[in-house]
Protein backbone atom coordinates (compact mmCIF):
# COMPACT_ATOMS: atom_id res chain seq x y z
CA MET A 1 11.34 350.75 -33.60
CA GLU A 2 8.05 351.65 -32.36
CA ALA A 3 6.21 351.33 -35.22
CA LEU A 4 8.52 348.57 -36.48
CA ARG A 5 7.00 346.13 -33.84
CA PRO A 6 3.64 346.03 -34.89
CA VAL A 7 4.77 346.09 -38.96
CA VAL A 8 6.38 342.58 -38.87
CA LEU A 9 3.94 341.46 -36.40
CA GLY A 10 1.00 342.19 -39.07
CA ILE A 11 3.33 340.14 -41.70
CA ILE A 12 4.01 337.53 -39.48
CA GLN A 13 -0.23 337.34 -39.17
CA GLY A 14 -0.32 337.35 -42.69
CA LEU A 15 1.65 334.50 -43.49
CA THR A 16 0.93 332.35 -40.83
CA GLU A 17 -3.11 332.92 -40.64
CA PHE A 18 -3.82 330.62 -43.61
CA ILE A 19 -1.19 328.27 -43.18
CA PRO A 20 -2.09 325.78 -40.71
CA VAL A 21 1.41 326.07 -38.50
CA SER A 22 -1.05 328.72 -35.82
CA SER A 23 -0.44 332.82 -36.27
CA SER A 24 -1.31 332.90 -32.30
CA ALA A 25 1.49 330.89 -31.55
CA HIS A 26 3.90 332.57 -34.08
CA LEU A 27 3.11 336.03 -32.86
CA ILE A 28 3.93 334.93 -28.84
CA ILE A 29 7.17 333.15 -30.62
CA VAL A 30 8.85 335.87 -31.81
CA ARG A 31 7.48 338.63 -28.96
CA GLU A 32 9.08 335.89 -26.28
CA PHE A 33 12.95 335.54 -28.91
CA PHE A 34 12.79 339.44 -29.21
CA HIS A 35 12.12 340.17 -25.53
CA TRP A 36 9.08 342.96 -26.67
CA GLU A 37 6.05 343.47 -25.39
CA ASP A 38 3.04 341.89 -25.56
CA LEU A 39 0.66 344.03 -26.82
CA GLY A 40 -2.05 341.33 -25.51
CA LEU A 41 -4.64 338.41 -26.88
CA SER A 42 -6.77 342.19 -28.11
CA PHE A 43 -3.91 343.86 -30.69
CA ASP A 44 -3.79 340.13 -31.92
CA MET A 45 -6.91 339.92 -32.75
CA ALA A 46 -7.24 343.31 -34.54
CA ILE A 47 -4.10 342.73 -36.37
CA HIS A 48 -6.83 339.86 -38.05
CA LEU A 49 -8.47 342.06 -39.51
CA GLY A 50 -6.17 342.62 -42.02
CA THR A 51 -5.47 338.91 -42.77
CA LEU A 52 -9.97 339.44 -42.88
CA LEU A 53 -9.58 341.78 -46.07
CA ALA A 54 -7.55 339.79 -47.76
CA LEU A 55 -9.44 337.01 -47.50
CA ILE A 56 -12.57 338.40 -48.79
CA LEU A 57 -10.92 340.56 -51.52
CA TYR A 58 -9.82 337.26 -53.26
CA MET A 59 -12.45 335.26 -52.23
CA TRP A 60 -14.93 337.28 -52.74
CA ARG A 61 -16.46 335.28 -56.08
CA ASP A 62 -16.79 332.41 -53.97
CA TRP A 63 -18.92 334.94 -51.47
CA TYR A 64 -20.42 336.00 -54.63
CA GLU A 65 -21.67 332.34 -55.12
CA VAL A 66 -22.51 331.57 -51.76
CA ILE A 67 -25.36 334.39 -51.33
CA THR A 68 -26.35 333.83 -54.45
CA LYS A 69 -26.55 330.40 -55.52
CA ARG A 70 -25.57 328.48 -52.40
CA ARG A 71 -28.05 329.59 -49.21
CA ASP A 72 -27.59 326.33 -48.21
CA LEU A 73 -24.06 326.54 -47.69
CA LEU A 74 -24.45 330.20 -46.47
CA PHE A 75 -26.33 328.47 -43.55
CA LEU A 76 -23.21 325.58 -42.94
CA ILE A 77 -21.10 328.05 -42.77
CA ILE A 78 -23.25 329.74 -40.20
CA VAL A 79 -23.80 326.60 -37.83
CA ALA A 80 -19.94 326.29 -38.14
CA THR A 81 -18.89 329.63 -36.94
CA ILE A 82 -20.81 329.10 -34.05
CA PRO A 83 -19.03 326.89 -31.61
CA GLY A 84 -16.37 328.50 -32.18
CA ALA A 85 -17.85 332.01 -31.44
CA ILE A 86 -19.24 330.07 -28.30
CA PHE A 87 -15.75 328.94 -26.62
CA GLY A 88 -14.37 332.01 -28.11
CA LEU A 89 -16.19 334.19 -25.51
CA ILE A 90 -15.92 332.08 -22.98
CA LEU A 91 -12.60 331.37 -22.42
CA GLU A 92 -11.33 334.50 -23.73
CA GLU A 93 -9.41 335.46 -20.17
CA VAL A 94 -8.31 331.62 -20.01
CA ALA A 95 -6.99 331.47 -23.35
CA GLU A 96 -4.98 335.56 -22.69
CA SER A 97 -3.86 334.65 -19.38
CA TYR A 98 -2.66 330.22 -19.54
CA PHE A 99 -2.11 329.29 -23.02
CA ARG A 100 0.44 331.29 -24.26
CA SER A 101 3.32 329.78 -22.71
CA LEU A 102 6.17 327.73 -25.32
CA THR A 103 6.03 324.68 -23.28
CA LEU A 104 2.13 323.91 -24.12
CA ILE A 105 2.28 325.94 -27.69
CA GLY A 106 4.93 323.45 -28.37
CA LEU A 107 3.21 320.61 -27.06
CA ALA A 108 -0.03 321.93 -29.41
CA MET A 109 2.79 322.53 -32.48
CA SER A 110 3.53 318.81 -32.31
CA ILE A 111 0.39 317.04 -31.35
CA PHE A 112 -1.48 318.26 -33.59
CA GLY A 113 1.05 317.99 -36.76
CA ILE A 114 1.26 314.62 -36.19
CA VAL A 115 -2.80 313.90 -36.37
CA LEU A 116 -3.06 316.58 -39.23
CA PHE A 117 -0.45 314.17 -40.53
CA SER A 118 -2.09 311.17 -39.56
CA VAL A 119 -5.76 312.47 -40.80
CA ASP A 120 -4.36 313.70 -44.11
CA ARG A 121 -2.91 310.56 -45.33
CA LYS A 122 -6.78 308.07 -44.55
CA SER A 123 -8.54 310.86 -45.90
CA SER A 124 -10.72 309.36 -48.77
CA HIS A 125 -10.26 313.06 -50.51
CA ASP A 126 -12.83 312.08 -52.88
CA ARG A 127 -15.42 315.09 -51.58
CA THR A 128 -15.91 318.86 -52.89
CA LEU A 129 -17.91 321.38 -51.11
CA LYS A 130 -20.76 320.23 -53.33
CA ASP A 131 -21.49 317.41 -50.87
CA ILE A 132 -21.08 318.79 -47.73
CA LYS A 133 -23.65 318.18 -45.28
CA LEU A 134 -25.02 319.50 -42.08
CA LYS A 135 -22.82 316.92 -39.96
CA ASP A 136 -20.16 318.30 -41.75
CA ALA A 137 -20.25 321.35 -41.00
CA LEU A 138 -20.88 320.39 -37.33
CA ILE A 139 -17.62 318.42 -36.63
CA ILE A 140 -15.61 321.04 -39.20
CA GLY A 141 -17.29 323.90 -36.62
CA PHE A 142 -16.28 322.19 -33.30
CA GLY A 143 -12.88 321.39 -34.33
CA GLN A 144 -11.94 325.04 -34.75
CA ILE A 145 -12.79 325.09 -31.01
CA LEU A 146 -9.28 323.38 -30.63
CA ALA A 147 -7.33 326.67 -31.94
CA ILE A 148 -8.17 328.27 -29.11
CA ILE A 149 -4.82 327.40 -27.52
CA PRO A 150 -1.74 328.46 -29.71
CA GLY A 151 -0.24 325.80 -31.33
CA VAL A 152 -3.65 324.18 -32.92
CA SER A 153 -3.73 326.70 -35.86
CA ARG A 154 -7.19 327.81 -36.48
CA SER A 155 -6.98 326.64 -40.01
CA GLY A 156 -5.25 323.51 -39.39
CA ALA A 157 -7.67 322.51 -37.02
CA THR A 158 -10.61 323.21 -39.60
CA ILE A 159 -8.99 321.75 -43.16
CA THR A 160 -7.72 318.48 -39.95
CA SER A 161 -11.92 318.24 -39.66
CA ALA A 162 -12.68 318.81 -43.59
CA LEU A 163 -10.02 316.08 -44.26
CA LEU A 164 -11.12 313.73 -41.20
CA CYS A 165 -14.65 314.22 -43.56
CA GLY A 166 -13.23 313.31 -46.59
CA PHE A 167 -12.95 316.22 -48.52
CA LYS A 168 -10.20 317.41 -51.00
CA ARG A 169 -7.39 319.18 -49.26
CA ASP A 170 -8.46 322.26 -51.91
CA ASP A 171 -12.02 321.80 -50.71
CA SER A 172 -10.78 321.44 -47.01
CA ALA A 173 -9.13 325.16 -47.13
CA ARG A 174 -11.43 326.84 -49.06
CA PHE A 175 -14.75 325.59 -46.41
CA SER A 176 -11.83 327.12 -43.44
CA PHE A 177 -11.36 330.45 -45.54
CA LEU A 178 -14.35 330.60 -45.56
CA LEU A 179 -15.36 329.88 -42.56
CA SER A 180 -12.33 332.56 -40.86
CA VAL A 181 -14.06 335.39 -42.45
CA PRO A 182 -17.50 335.40 -39.65
CA ILE A 183 -15.82 334.18 -36.39
CA ILE A 184 -12.39 336.25 -37.60
CA GLY A 185 -14.50 339.76 -38.38
CA GLY A 186 -15.87 339.32 -35.39
CA ALA A 187 -13.18 338.35 -32.81
CA GLY A 188 -11.73 340.93 -34.49
CA LEU A 189 -13.81 344.13 -34.43
CA VAL A 190 -14.77 343.24 -30.74
CA SER A 191 -11.02 343.68 -29.93
CA LEU A 192 -10.72 346.76 -32.20
CA LEU A 193 -12.78 348.21 -30.38
CA LYS A 194 -11.29 347.14 -26.74
CA ILE A 195 -8.25 349.07 -28.37
CA ILE A 196 -10.14 351.94 -28.79
CA ARG A 197 -11.90 352.52 -25.48
CA ASN A 198 -8.87 350.60 -23.20
CA PRO A 199 -5.70 351.30 -25.41
CA VAL A 200 -3.11 349.24 -25.42
CA SER A 201 0.79 350.02 -25.21
CA VAL A 202 0.96 350.86 -29.12
CA SER A 203 -0.66 353.71 -31.15
CA ILE A 204 -3.14 353.45 -33.46
CA THR A 205 -0.96 354.44 -35.93
CA GLY A 206 0.63 351.07 -35.04
CA VAL A 207 -2.23 349.16 -35.63
CA SER A 208 -3.06 350.72 -38.55
CA LEU A 209 0.66 349.68 -39.85
CA GLY A 210 0.17 346.20 -38.47
CA ILE A 211 -3.01 345.98 -40.39
CA LEU A 212 -2.31 346.69 -43.52
CA SER A 213 0.82 344.57 -43.20
CA SER A 214 -0.94 341.27 -42.22
CA PHE A 215 -3.01 342.49 -45.69
CA ILE A 216 -0.34 342.12 -48.31
CA PHE A 217 0.99 339.25 -46.79
CA GLY A 218 -2.42 337.68 -45.49
CA TYR A 219 -2.97 337.79 -49.58
CA ILE A 220 -0.52 336.49 -50.49
CA ALA A 221 -0.74 333.06 -48.12
CA VAL A 222 -4.45 332.37 -49.56
CA HIS A 223 -3.21 332.53 -53.46
CA PHE A 224 -0.38 329.79 -52.05
CA MET A 225 -2.52 327.86 -50.10
CA LEU A 226 -5.65 327.44 -51.90
CA ASN A 227 -2.93 326.85 -55.95
CA TYR A 228 -0.17 324.39 -53.03
CA LEU A 229 -3.25 321.46 -51.57
CA LYS A 230 -4.45 321.02 -55.22
CA ARG A 231 -1.38 319.13 -56.65
CA HIS A 232 -0.19 318.55 -53.05
CA ASN A 233 -0.40 316.55 -49.44
CA THR A 234 0.39 318.52 -46.37
CA ASN A 235 3.33 316.82 -45.09
CA ILE A 236 5.78 320.35 -45.93
CA PHE A 237 2.88 321.67 -42.71
CA VAL A 238 3.54 318.76 -40.08
CA TYR A 239 6.98 318.44 -40.72
CA TYR A 240 7.45 322.37 -39.86
CA ARG A 241 5.18 321.95 -36.79
CA LEU A 242 6.89 318.92 -35.67
CA ILE A 243 10.62 320.61 -36.25
CA LEU A 244 9.11 324.16 -34.28
CA GLY A 245 7.86 321.67 -31.95
CA VAL A 246 10.18 319.69 -30.32
CA PHE A 247 12.29 323.11 -30.18
CA LEU A 248 10.36 325.05 -28.09
CA ILE A 249 9.81 322.28 -25.67
CA LEU A 250 14.10 321.86 -25.91
CA PHE A 251 14.14 325.46 -25.40
CA SER A 252 11.47 326.25 -22.53
CA VAL A 253 13.58 323.20 -20.21
CA ILE A 254 16.61 324.69 -21.27
CA LYS A 255 15.96 327.53 -20.17
CA ARG A 256 14.53 327.08 -16.59
């Protein structure tokens, strides 16, 4: 059972990291409903390494083009990373202590689901990554700050911000995924070092299994999102967020 928990959490992390439904929220929800010990934000970020590896493997051609031909895009990715990295470090302890209640998650799920629906509906959807400017990178980067709240979703915040700037849905997701490499990589490595120095209540084997399962299912999720958004809108994710959000709020009220 002890080995099963990191695997299950890794699967959930992999499936929900790149879909705009908040992976951190789902990790908290599963532990709450199954009464599993909270392994902490450090473990949550460590298993992000699995999804990071999946993303790099799936998008290696994109990164090859960015590094060899699109230095302008590489610069904008770096610019968009800065706000989230700074605020992530500043608010890490607050997030660990106060941002993990089911009520807050339910509210965030519902509110930002409505925001995603509204922005997607009004977006022009006529811009590609060839059109991205410094202003767009800053808007998307600052939008990423909201992802510190479980229930908002990092991919949800960045995709919504990109849609707000008028980008196509699949290009919005592609930039979101490119942006996730430095932010997830930095946070994941820092958290993994913390676990090695100050072990949490899970073995290194457990952490490794969590990373492996998040890698496998993260790869599947990236493939799904980039192909799905070429032909569909984001409504299915909005409906899911609203249903889950309302359920969590009601559950929290009844539980009290």
